[in-house]
C-alpha cells in the first residue's frame, strides 16, 4: 500500500472517529434535552388538569370524553388524581390506563414528593399537588411523538452529514496527501534517472527548509560521496594502466632482447640489472597508487588513535635514510614542549608516516645537499610541522597544481617521479582535518607546513 493511500486512510479514520464522537454527543444532548422538556410538559399538563378538576371548573366526564377523542389522533397526556390515602379521585381513562398506579408507586411519590420514570415507550411523572389545605397525588403519562419525530429527523440529518463529511474528508485527505507527496515523486524520478554515467546530476531542493529539502540534500551528499568514490576508482584504474604500461613495456623488451640469442654472463647480468630496476619502478609506482587509493577512504573508515608526531617523524626519518644512504634528515624542536599532548594527535599512524616520508624525500630529492630539516612546534591546540630544504624551489606557476595527482612541474626533469607523492600527502592531511601550505622561491628552497589539531585541552589563558 502506497504512503499516499495510508495517509488518506489514517487521516479519514481519525477524522471519522472525531466526527462520530461529535455526532453521538449532539444526538445524546438532543435526546436528553427532549426528555427533560417532555417531563416538564407532563408536569404542567398534570397541574393544569388537577386545577380544572379540583376547582370544579371542568366536568370530569367532559374531560374524559375529550381525552378519549384526542388520543385517537394525537399523543394526549393521561392524568390521574389520588388523595393521600390512595383513593382515586379522577382518571382520564381507567380502561386505557397507560400506566398502572400501584400503591408502591403512590407511596414513592408521597415519600419523595416527585418522581420521573418510563413505562415502555411512555414517559411519566408523579408529583404531590397542594390545593388549598389538601394534598393530592397526581400522575401524568404520555408519548412524546413530536419530540421523537424531531429526534428521528435529526438522526437522519446527522448520519447524512457524517457520510457526506467522510466522503469530502476522504477526497480532501487524498488531495492533501497527493500534494504533500508530489515532491517525493519528483525526487524519485530524479533519483531514478541517475546512474553511474551521470553521477554529477543532483536533486533540486530549492530554498526549502522542510523535511523534503533535507531529504534532497541528504541524497545529494550521498551522491557526492558516490561520485567521489567512482571518480577515485576510475582515476585509479586509468592511472595504474597508464603509468604501468611504460615500465612493463621496457621490462618485456629487455627480456625479449635477452631471448633473441645466447649471451655472455656479463650481458645477462646487465640485462637482469635493468629488469630489476624496472621491476622496482613498478613496485614503487604500485605502492604509491595503493597509498593514494587508501587516502580516498571515507574519514570514518580510517582507524585512528592518539599518536605522538615526533615519534612518527623519527620513524619516517629512519625509513628514508635506510633506503637512501646519501640523504640527511634533521629533526628540530622549535619550542620546549612540556606537555606531550601538544604534539599528540588523533590519527592513522601508517598514513601520517607515509605523508611525512613523501615530504622528507621530496626535500632531499630536490636539494643538491640531499638534506631536509623538519621543525616541530605548536600554537594553542595546533601542532605545526615544517619540512624545509635549500633546493631548486618550485616555480610560482606550478605551486597551484603541485597537489594534483600525476602532475609534475617544470622541475620534474631534475629527478624522476610519478606525481603521486604530494597528491597523496594532501589527501592524508585532509583525512586528518588538517591543513598543508607551501611556500617556495626558485633557487632558494621550499617549505611545506602541516597543521594538525592536537589533543591539548585549553584551560584558562594560554601561556
Protein backbone atom coordinates (compact mmCIF):
# COMPACT_ATOMS: atom_id res chain seq x y z
CA UNK A 1 0.00 0.00 0.00
CA UNK A 2 1.37 3.39 -1.00
CA UNK A 3 2.09 6.08 1.57
CA UNK A 4 -0.47 8.34 -0.10
CA UNK A 5 -3.21 5.74 0.46
CA UNK A 6 -2.05 5.10 4.03
CA UNK A 7 -2.08 8.80 4.86
CA UNK A 8 -5.55 9.18 3.33
CA UNK A 9 -6.93 6.23 5.29
CA UNK A 10 -5.34 7.36 8.54
CA UNK A 11 -6.49 10.94 8.10
CA UNK A 12 -10.03 9.81 7.19
CA UNK A 13 -10.13 7.27 10.02
CA UNK A 14 -9.02 9.74 12.68
CA UNK A 15 -11.40 12.40 11.39
CA UNK A 16 -14.22 9.84 11.19
CA UNK A 17 -13.63 8.88 14.81
CA UNK A 18 -13.70 12.52 15.93
CA UNK A 19 -16.71 13.23 13.73
CA UNK A 20 -18.55 10.18 15.10
CA UNK A 21 -17.93 11.23 18.69
CA UNK A 22 -19.18 14.72 17.86
CA UNK A 23 -22.35 13.39 16.20
CA UNK A 24 -23.07 10.98 19.07
CA UNK A 25 -22.63 13.84 21.50
CA UNK A 26 -25.08 16.03 19.55
CA UNK A 27 -27.60 13.16 19.39
CA UNK A 28 -27.25 12.34 23.09
CA UNK A 29 -27.56 16.02 24.03
CA UNK A 30 -30.68 16.41 21.87
CA UNK A 31 -32.26 13.25 23.35
CA UNK A 32 -31.56 14.42 26.89
CA UNK A 33 -32.96 17.85 26.10
CA UNK A 34 -36.12 16.29 24.56
CA UNK A 35 -36.62 14.05 27.57
CA UNK A 36 -36.21 16.93 30.06
CA UNK A 37 -38.55 19.16 28.09
CA UNK A 38 -41.28 16.49 27.89
CA UNK A 39 -41.09 15.76 31.60
CA UNK A 40 -41.59 19.46 32.17
CA UNK A 41 -44.61 19.43 29.84
CA UNK A 42 -46.05 16.44 31.69
CA UNK A 43 -45.86 18.30 34.99
CA UNK A 44 -47.56 21.34 33.51
CA UNK A 45 -50.30 19.18 31.97
CA UNK A 46 -50.86 17.37 35.27
CA UNK A 47 -51.15 20.60 37.29
CA UNK A 48 -53.47 22.19 34.71
CA UNK A 49 -55.92 19.27 34.70
CA UNK A 50 -55.76 18.98 38.51
CA UNK A 51 -56.70 22.65 38.87
CA UNK A 52 -59.61 22.22 36.46
CA UNK A 53 -60.93 19.08 38.17
CA UNK A 54 -60.40 20.09 41.79
CA UNK A 55 -61.79 23.59 41.28
CA UNK A 56 -64.87 22.23 39.54
CA UNK A 57 -64.20 24.41 36.53
CA UNK A 58 -64.35 21.44 34.17
CA UNK A 59 -66.73 18.49 34.18
CA UNK A 60 -64.79 15.25 34.71
CA UNK A 61 -66.91 13.39 32.15
CA UNK A 62 -66.29 16.04 29.52
CA UNK A 63 -62.55 15.92 30.29
CA UNK A 64 -62.58 12.16 29.88
CA UNK A 65 -64.53 12.41 26.62
CA UNK A 66 -62.07 14.96 25.27
CA UNK A 67 -59.19 12.68 26.24
CA UNK A 68 -60.72 9.65 24.50
CA UNK A 69 -61.34 11.62 21.34
CA UNK A 70 -57.92 13.24 21.24
CA UNK A 71 -55.93 10.07 21.92
CA UNK A 72 -57.10 8.66 18.60
CA UNK A 73 -55.36 11.44 16.70
CA UNK A 74 -52.69 12.96 18.94
CA UNK A 75 -50.45 11.82 21.77
CA UNK A 76 -52.70 13.08 24.58
CA UNK A 77 -51.36 13.10 28.15
CA UNK A 78 -53.17 10.78 30.55
CA UNK A 79 -53.68 12.23 34.08
CA UNK A 80 -54.80 10.52 37.29
CA UNK A 81 -55.50 12.18 40.67
CA UNK A 82 -55.39 10.41 44.06
CA UNK A 83 -55.76 11.59 47.62
CA UNK A 84 -53.09 10.88 50.18
CA UNK A 85 -54.75 7.60 51.21
CA UNK A 86 -54.56 6.39 47.61
CA UNK A 87 -58.26 6.83 46.74
CA UNK A 88 -58.79 7.59 43.03
CA UNK A 89 -60.40 10.99 42.54
CA UNK A 90 -60.04 11.35 38.79
CA UNK A 91 -58.64 9.35 35.84
CA UNK A 92 -58.74 10.27 32.16
CA UNK A 93 -59.38 6.65 31.12
CA UNK A 94 -59.24 3.84 33.61
CA UNK A 95 -59.87 1.28 30.88
CA UNK A 96 -56.90 2.54 28.82
CA UNK A 97 -54.61 3.22 31.77
CA UNK A 98 -51.20 3.86 30.14
CA UNK A 99 -49.51 3.30 33.48
CA UNK A 100 -50.89 1.35 36.38
CA UNK A 101 -50.67 3.34 39.59
CA UNK A 102 -49.73 0.83 42.27
CA UNK A 103 -49.58 1.50 46.00
CA UNK A 104 -45.82 1.24 45.79
CA UNK A 105 -45.73 3.95 43.13
CA UNK A 106 -48.02 6.25 45.08
CA UNK A 107 -46.00 5.64 48.26
CA UNK A 108 -42.82 6.63 46.39
CA UNK A 109 -44.50 9.85 45.23
CA UNK A 110 -45.64 10.61 48.75
CA UNK A 111 -42.17 9.99 50.19
CA UNK A 112 -40.09 11.74 47.53
CA UNK A 113 -42.50 14.46 46.52
CA UNK A 114 -41.81 13.89 42.83
CA UNK A 115 -40.65 11.03 40.60
CA UNK A 116 -39.84 10.60 36.90
CA UNK A 117 -39.91 7.22 35.19
CA UNK A 118 -40.57 5.44 31.94
CA UNK A 119 -43.04 2.69 31.12
CA UNK A 120 -42.22 1.06 27.81
CA UNK A 121 -42.29 3.90 25.26
CA UNK A 122 -44.14 6.29 27.59
CA UNK A 123 -42.70 8.85 29.95
CA UNK A 124 -44.42 9.52 33.27
CA UNK A 125 -44.18 11.79 36.30
CA UNK A 126 -45.65 11.61 39.75
CA UNK A 127 -45.99 14.73 41.92
CA UNK A 128 -47.63 15.97 45.11
CA UNK A 129 -50.08 18.74 44.32
CA UNK A 130 -51.12 21.23 47.01
CA UNK A 131 -54.64 22.55 46.60
CA UNK A 132 -55.58 24.87 49.44
CA UNK A 133 -55.12 22.83 52.58
CA UNK A 134 -55.31 19.43 50.90
CA UNK A 135 -52.62 17.34 49.23
CA UNK A 136 -53.11 15.16 46.20
CA UNK A 137 -51.03 12.69 44.29
CA UNK A 138 -51.02 13.23 40.54
CA UNK A 139 -49.57 11.05 37.78
CA UNK A 140 -49.23 12.06 34.17
CA UNK A 141 -48.03 9.85 31.30
CA UNK A 142 -47.69 10.32 27.57
CA UNK A 143 -45.69 9.62 24.46
CA UNK A 144 -43.56 12.44 23.04
CA UNK A 145 -44.36 11.75 19.41
CA UNK A 146 -43.39 15.20 18.23
CA UNK A 147 -40.07 15.10 20.10
CA UNK A 148 -39.24 11.63 18.79
CA UNK A 149 -40.09 12.69 15.22
CA UNK A 150 -37.74 15.66 15.53
CA UNK A 151 -35.06 13.41 17.02
CA UNK A 152 -35.51 10.92 14.18
CA UNK A 153 -35.14 13.71 11.63
CA UNK A 154 -32.05 14.94 13.46
CA UNK A 155 -30.53 11.46 13.43
CA UNK A 156 -31.13 11.15 9.68
CA UNK A 157 -29.54 14.55 9.17
CA UNK A 158 -26.53 13.68 11.34
CA UNK A 159 -25.97 10.33 9.61
CA UNK A 160 -26.22 12.03 6.21
CA UNK A 161 -23.78 14.72 7.28
CA UNK A 162 -21.49 12.02 8.68
CA UNK A 163 -21.45 10.12 5.36
CA UNK A 164 -21.10 13.23 3.21
CA UNK A 165 -18.48 14.66 5.58
CA UNK A 166 -16.41 11.49 5.45
CA UNK A 167 -16.60 11.44 1.67
CA UNK A 168 -15.46 15.06 1.46
CA UNK A 169 -12.77 14.47 4.11
CA UNK A 170 -11.54 11.39 2.24
CA UNK A 171 -11.22 13.36 -1.02
CA UNK A 172 -9.56 16.24 0.83
CA UNK A 173 -7.16 13.87 2.57
CA UNK A 174 -6.30 12.19 -0.73
CA UNK A 175 -5.67 15.57 -2.37
CA UNK A 176 -3.56 16.83 0.55
CA UNK A 177 -1.55 13.59 0.67
CA UNK A 178 -1.03 13.75 -3.07
CA UNK A 179 0.03 17.39 -2.89
CA UNK A 180 2.33 16.72 0.09
CA UNK A 181 3.99 13.73 -1.58
CA UNK A 182 4.28 15.23 -5.07
CA UNK A 183 7.83 16.47 -4.29
CA UNK A 184 8.69 12.90 -3.26
CA UNK A 185 7.53 11.67 -6.68
CA UNK A 186 9.75 14.27 -8.30
CA UNK A 187 12.68 13.15 -6.14
CA UNK A 188 12.02 9.54 -7.15
CA UNK A 189 12.01 10.49 -10.83
CA UNK A 190 15.25 12.45 -10.48
CA UNK A 191 16.97 9.68 -8.49
CA UNK A 192 15.75 7.05 -10.97
CA UNK A 193 17.43 8.95 -13.81
CA UNK A 194 20.82 8.99 -12.05
CA UNK A 195 23.25 6.21 -12.95
CA UNK A 196 26.97 5.65 -12.93
CA UNK A 197 27.18 7.62 -16.19
CA UNK A 198 25.70 10.84 -14.78
CA UNK A 199 26.60 10.86 -11.10
CA UNK A 200 27.23 14.59 -11.39
CA UNK A 201 23.44 15.18 -11.55
CA UNK A 202 21.88 16.48 -8.37
CA UNK A 203 18.35 16.68 -6.96
CA UNK A 204 16.73 20.08 -6.90
CA UNK A 205 15.71 21.09 -3.39
CA UNK A 206 15.09 24.81 -3.86
CA UNK A 207 15.34 27.07 -0.85
CA UNK A 208 13.02 24.99 1.35
CA UNK A 209 13.77 24.18 4.96
CA UNK A 210 11.31 21.30 5.29
CA UNK A 211 11.99 17.58 5.61
CA UNK A 212 11.82 17.01 1.85
CA UNK A 213 14.52 19.61 1.27
CA UNK A 214 16.62 17.86 3.92
CA UNK A 215 15.97 14.53 2.17
CA UNK A 216 17.10 16.03 -1.16
CA UNK A 217 20.25 17.44 0.43
CA UNK A 218 20.95 14.07 2.05
CA UNK A 219 20.62 12.37 -1.34
CA UNK A 220 22.92 14.98 -2.87
CA UNK A 221 25.51 14.41 -0.12
CA UNK A 222 25.30 10.69 -0.76
CA UNK A 223 25.74 11.30 -4.49
CA UNK A 224 28.76 13.49 -3.73
CA UNK A 225 30.35 10.59 -1.84
CA UNK A 226 29.44 8.09 -4.55
CA UNK A 227 30.75 10.35 -7.30
CA UNK A 228 33.98 10.85 -5.41
CA UNK A 229 34.32 7.10 -4.91
CA UNK A 230 33.58 6.32 -8.58
CA UNK A 231 35.94 9.04 -9.77
CA UNK A 232 38.66 7.72 -7.49
CA UNK A 233 38.18 4.20 -8.82
CA UNK A 234 38.15 5.37 -12.43
CA UNK A 235 41.21 7.53 -11.86
CA UNK A 236 42.99 4.68 -10.09
CA UNK A 237 42.26 2.19 -12.88
CA UNK A 238 43.13 4.72 -15.59
CA UNK A 239 46.32 5.88 -13.92
CA UNK A 240 47.59 2.46 -12.97
CA UNK A 241 47.01 1.16 -16.51
CA UNK A 242 48.70 4.23 -17.99
CA UNK A 243 51.63 4.50 -15.62
CA UNK A 244 52.41 0.78 -15.52
CA UNK A 245 52.44 0.47 -19.29
CA UNK A 246 55.86 2.13 -19.76
CA UNK A 247 57.91 0.18 -17.19
CA UNK A 248 56.18 -3.06 -18.13
CA UNK A 249 56.87 -2.46 -21.81
CA UNK A 250 60.51 -1.73 -21.01
CA UNK A 251 60.74 -4.87 -18.88
CA UNK A 252 59.21 -7.02 -21.61
CA UNK A 253 61.52 -5.50 -24.23
CA UNK A 254 64.62 -6.23 -22.17
CA UNK A 255 63.52 -9.83 -21.62
CA UNK A 256 62.76 -10.31 -25.33
CA UNK A 257 66.19 -8.97 -26.23
CA UNK A 258 67.76 -11.42 -23.79
CA UNK A 259 65.99 -14.33 -25.51
CA UNK A 260 66.97 -13.42 -29.08
CA UNK A 261 70.38 -15.15 -28.85
CA UNK A 262 72.76 -16.61 -26.35
CA UNK A 263 74.80 -14.03 -24.49
CA UNK A 264 77.75 -13.82 -22.20
CA UNK A 265 77.32 -13.88 -18.45
CA UNK A 266 78.12 -10.17 -18.14
CA UNK A 267 75.48 -9.29 -20.71
CA UNK A 268 72.84 -11.34 -18.87
CA UNK A 269 73.77 -9.67 -15.61
CA UNK A 270 73.44 -6.25 -17.24
CA UNK A 271 70.00 -7.12 -18.67
CA UNK A 272 68.87 -8.54 -15.33
CA UNK A 273 70.01 -5.36 -13.58
CA UNK A 274 67.94 -3.27 -15.98
CA UNK A 275 64.95 -5.59 -15.47
CA UNK A 276 65.38 -5.37 -11.71
CA UNK A 277 65.41 -1.57 -11.90
CA UNK A 278 62.21 -1.63 -14.00
CA UNK A 279 60.61 -4.03 -11.52
CA UNK A 280 61.49 -1.69 -8.65
CA UNK A 281 59.90 1.18 -10.57
CA UNK A 282 56.74 -0.88 -10.93
CA UNK A 283 56.83 -1.74 -7.23
CA UNK A 284 57.26 1.89 -6.21
CA UNK A 285 54.52 3.01 -8.55
CA UNK A 286 52.14 0.29 -7.34
CA UNK A 287 52.81 1.18 -3.70
CA UNK A 288 52.18 4.86 -4.44
CA UNK A 289 48.94 4.12 -6.26
CA UNK A 290 47.71 1.85 -3.47
CA UNK A 291 48.52 4.50 -0.87
CA UNK A 292 46.70 7.06 -3.00
CA UNK A 293 43.67 4.78 -3.11
CA UNK A 294 43.75 4.34 0.68
CA UNK A 295 43.81 8.09 1.12
CA UNK A 296 40.50 8.28 -0.74
CA UNK A 297 38.72 6.32 2.00
CA UNK A 298 35.92 7.87 3.97
CA UNK A 299 37.39 9.52 7.10
CA UNK A 300 35.07 7.44 9.26
CA UNK A 301 36.57 4.24 7.84
CA UNK A 302 40.12 5.18 8.85
CA UNK A 303 41.27 3.69 12.13
CA UNK A 304 42.68 6.41 14.35
CA UNK A 305 44.37 6.54 17.71
CA UNK A 306 46.41 9.01 19.74
CA UNK A 307 49.97 9.17 18.40
CA UNK A 308 52.97 11.43 19.01
CA UNK A 309 54.14 13.31 15.95
CA UNK A 310 57.81 13.33 16.97
CA UNK A 311 57.82 9.52 17.16
CA UNK A 312 56.26 9.17 13.70
CA UNK A 313 58.67 11.73 12.27
CA UNK A 314 61.62 9.87 13.77
CA UNK A 315 60.33 6.60 12.29
CA UNK A 316 59.83 8.28 8.90
CA UNK A 317 63.37 9.75 9.06
CA UNK A 318 64.90 6.34 9.76
CA UNK A 319 62.91 4.77 6.90
CA UNK A 320 64.08 7.42 4.43
CA UNK A 321 67.74 7.23 5.48
CA UNK A 322 67.71 3.42 5.40
CA UNK A 323 66.50 3.48 1.78
CA UNK A 324 68.79 6.39 0.76
CA UNK A 325 72.20 6.45 2.45
CA UNK A 326 73.09 9.82 0.95
CA UNK A 327 70.07 11.60 2.44
CA UNK A 328 70.44 13.73 5.57
CA UNK A 329 67.34 14.45 7.73
CA UNK A 330 67.41 16.61 10.84
CA UNK A 331 64.54 16.95 13.34
CA UNK A 332 64.39 20.24 15.25
CA UNK A 333 62.06 21.27 18.10
CA UNK A 334 61.33 24.99 17.70
CA UNK A 335 59.89 25.20 21.22
CA UNK A 336 60.37 23.46 24.51
CA UNK A 337 57.50 21.01 24.89
CA UNK A 338 56.45 20.44 28.49
CA UNK A 339 53.22 18.63 27.70
CA UNK A 340 53.20 15.65 25.31
CA UNK A 341 49.60 16.41 24.33
CA UNK A 342 50.85 19.49 22.45
CA UNK A 343 52.38 17.22 19.79
CA UNK A 344 49.94 14.32 20.14
CA UNK A 345 47.17 13.97 17.54
CA UNK A 346 44.37 11.55 16.79
CA UNK A 347 45.29 9.93 13.51
CA UNK A 348 46.31 6.92 11.48
CA UNK A 349 49.97 6.12 12.08
CA UNK A 350 50.59 4.43 8.70
CA UNK A 351 49.07 7.25 6.63
CA UNK A 352 50.80 10.05 8.55
CA UNK A 353 54.12 8.25 8.31
CA UNK A 354 53.57 7.85 4.54
CA UNK A 355 52.86 11.58 4.20
CA UNK A 356 55.97 12.53 6.22
CA UNK A 357 58.17 10.16 4.22
CA UNK A 358 56.98 11.70 0.95
CA UNK A 359 57.67 15.25 2.15
CA UNK A 360 61.12 14.36 3.53
CA UNK A 361 62.05 12.55 0.30
CA UNK A 362 60.71 15.49 -1.71
CA UNK A 363 63.02 17.86 0.25
CA UNK A 364 66.02 15.63 -0.23
CA UNK A 365 65.46 14.84 -3.92
CA UNK A 366 65.25 18.47 -4.97
CA UNK A 367 68.26 19.64 -2.89
CA UNK A 368 71.84 19.40 -4.02
CA UNK A 369 72.93 18.61 -0.47
CA UNK A 370 70.21 15.93 -0.21
CA UNK A 371 69.11 17.43 3.12
CA UNK A 372 65.76 18.03 4.81
CA UNK A 373 65.23 19.94 8.04
CA UNK A 374 61.97 19.24 9.89
CA UNK A 375 60.80 21.71 12.54
CA UNK A 376 58.21 20.78 15.18
CA UNK A 377 56.25 23.46 17.06
CA UNK A 378 52.76 24.23 18.34
CA UNK A 379 50.33 27.07 18.91
CA UNK A 380 47.46 26.52 21.36
CA UNK A 381 45.73 23.32 20.19
CA UNK A 382 47.50 23.12 16.82
CA UNK A 383 50.65 21.11 16.15
CA UNK A 384 52.83 22.55 13.38
CA UNK A 385 55.42 20.67 11.29
CA UNK A 386 57.60 22.42 8.69
CA UNK A 387 59.57 20.45 6.09
CA UNK A 388 62.28 22.69 4.64
CA UNK A 389 65.04 22.38 2.07
CA UNK A 390 67.51 24.65 0.29
CA UNK A 391 66.90 23.12 -3.10
CA UNK A 392 65.89 24.36 -6.53
CA UNK A 393 62.45 25.53 -5.37
CA UNK A 394 59.11 25.39 -7.16
CA UNK A 395 58.17 27.85 -9.92
CA UNK A 396 55.30 30.10 -8.91
CA UNK A 397 53.27 28.90 -11.89
CA UNK A 398 53.39 25.30 -10.58
CA UNK A 399 52.52 25.90 -6.91
CA UNK A 400 48.75 25.86 -7.53
CA UNK A 401 48.92 22.43 -9.21
CA UNK A 402 51.56 20.55 -7.25
CA UNK A 403 48.94 18.66 -5.22
CA UNK A 404 47.13 17.31 -8.29
CA UNK A 405 47.68 13.57 -8.98
CA UNK A 406 50.28 12.78 -11.68
CA UNK A 407 51.00 16.45 -12.15
CA UNK A 408 54.69 17.26 -12.49
CA UNK A 409 56.08 20.79 -12.71
CA UNK A 410 58.90 22.39 -14.66
CA UNK A 411 61.45 20.99 -12.20
CA UNK A 412 60.31 17.43 -13.00
CA UNK A 413 63.39 16.95 -15.13
CA UNK A 414 65.57 17.39 -12.04
CA UNK A 415 64.70 13.91 -10.70
CA UNK A 416 62.43 11.00 -11.50
CA UNK A 417 58.95 10.67 -10.11
CA UNK A 418 55.32 9.93 -10.91
CA UNK A 419 53.48 12.94 -9.48
CA UNK A 420 51.82 10.86 -6.78
CA UNK A 421 53.63 11.88 -3.59
CA UNK A 422 52.28 15.39 -2.97
CA UNK A 423 48.75 14.44 -4.05
CA UNK A 424 48.92 11.61 -1.54
CA UNK A 425 50.17 13.97 1.20
CA UNK A 426 47.34 16.41 0.53
CA UNK A 427 44.69 13.70 0.82
CA UNK A 428 46.18 12.29 4.01
CA UNK A 429 46.24 15.72 5.64
CA UNK A 430 42.62 16.31 4.60
CA UNK A 431 41.66 12.95 6.10
CA UNK A 432 43.03 14.22 9.41
CA UNK A 433 41.16 17.55 9.13
CA UNK A 434 44.47 19.37 8.84
CA UNK A 435 45.97 21.96 6.51
CA UNK A 436 49.03 21.91 4.29
CA UNK A 437 50.68 25.03 2.91
CA UNK A 438 53.66 25.54 0.64
CA UNK A 439 55.96 28.47 0.16
CA UNK A 440 58.87 28.39 -2.26
CA UNK A 441 61.38 30.58 -4.10
CA UNK A 442 63.17 29.35 -7.16
CA UNK A 443 66.78 28.64 -6.35
CA UNK A 444 66.34 29.16 -2.60
CA UNK A 445 64.24 26.25 -1.37
CA UNK A 446 60.79 25.12 -0.38
CA UNK A 447 58.86 24.91 2.88
CA UNK A 448 55.87 22.59 3.36
CA UNK A 449 53.88 23.38 6.51
CA UNK A 450 51.39 20.93 8.01
CA UNK A 451 48.97 21.97 10.77
CA UNK A 452 47.11 19.29 12.73
CA UNK A 453 44.80 19.60 15.72
CA UNK A 454 46.42 18.15 18.84
CA UNK A 455 44.66 16.73 21.90
CA UNK A 456 45.75 19.53 24.22
CA UNK A 457 42.83 20.92 26.25
CA UNK A 458 42.96 24.65 26.81
CA UNK A 459 42.33 25.63 30.43
CA UNK A 460 42.29 29.36 31.07
CA UNK A 461 44.64 31.74 29.19
CA UNK A 462 47.21 30.03 27.00
CA UNK A 463 50.71 30.79 28.14
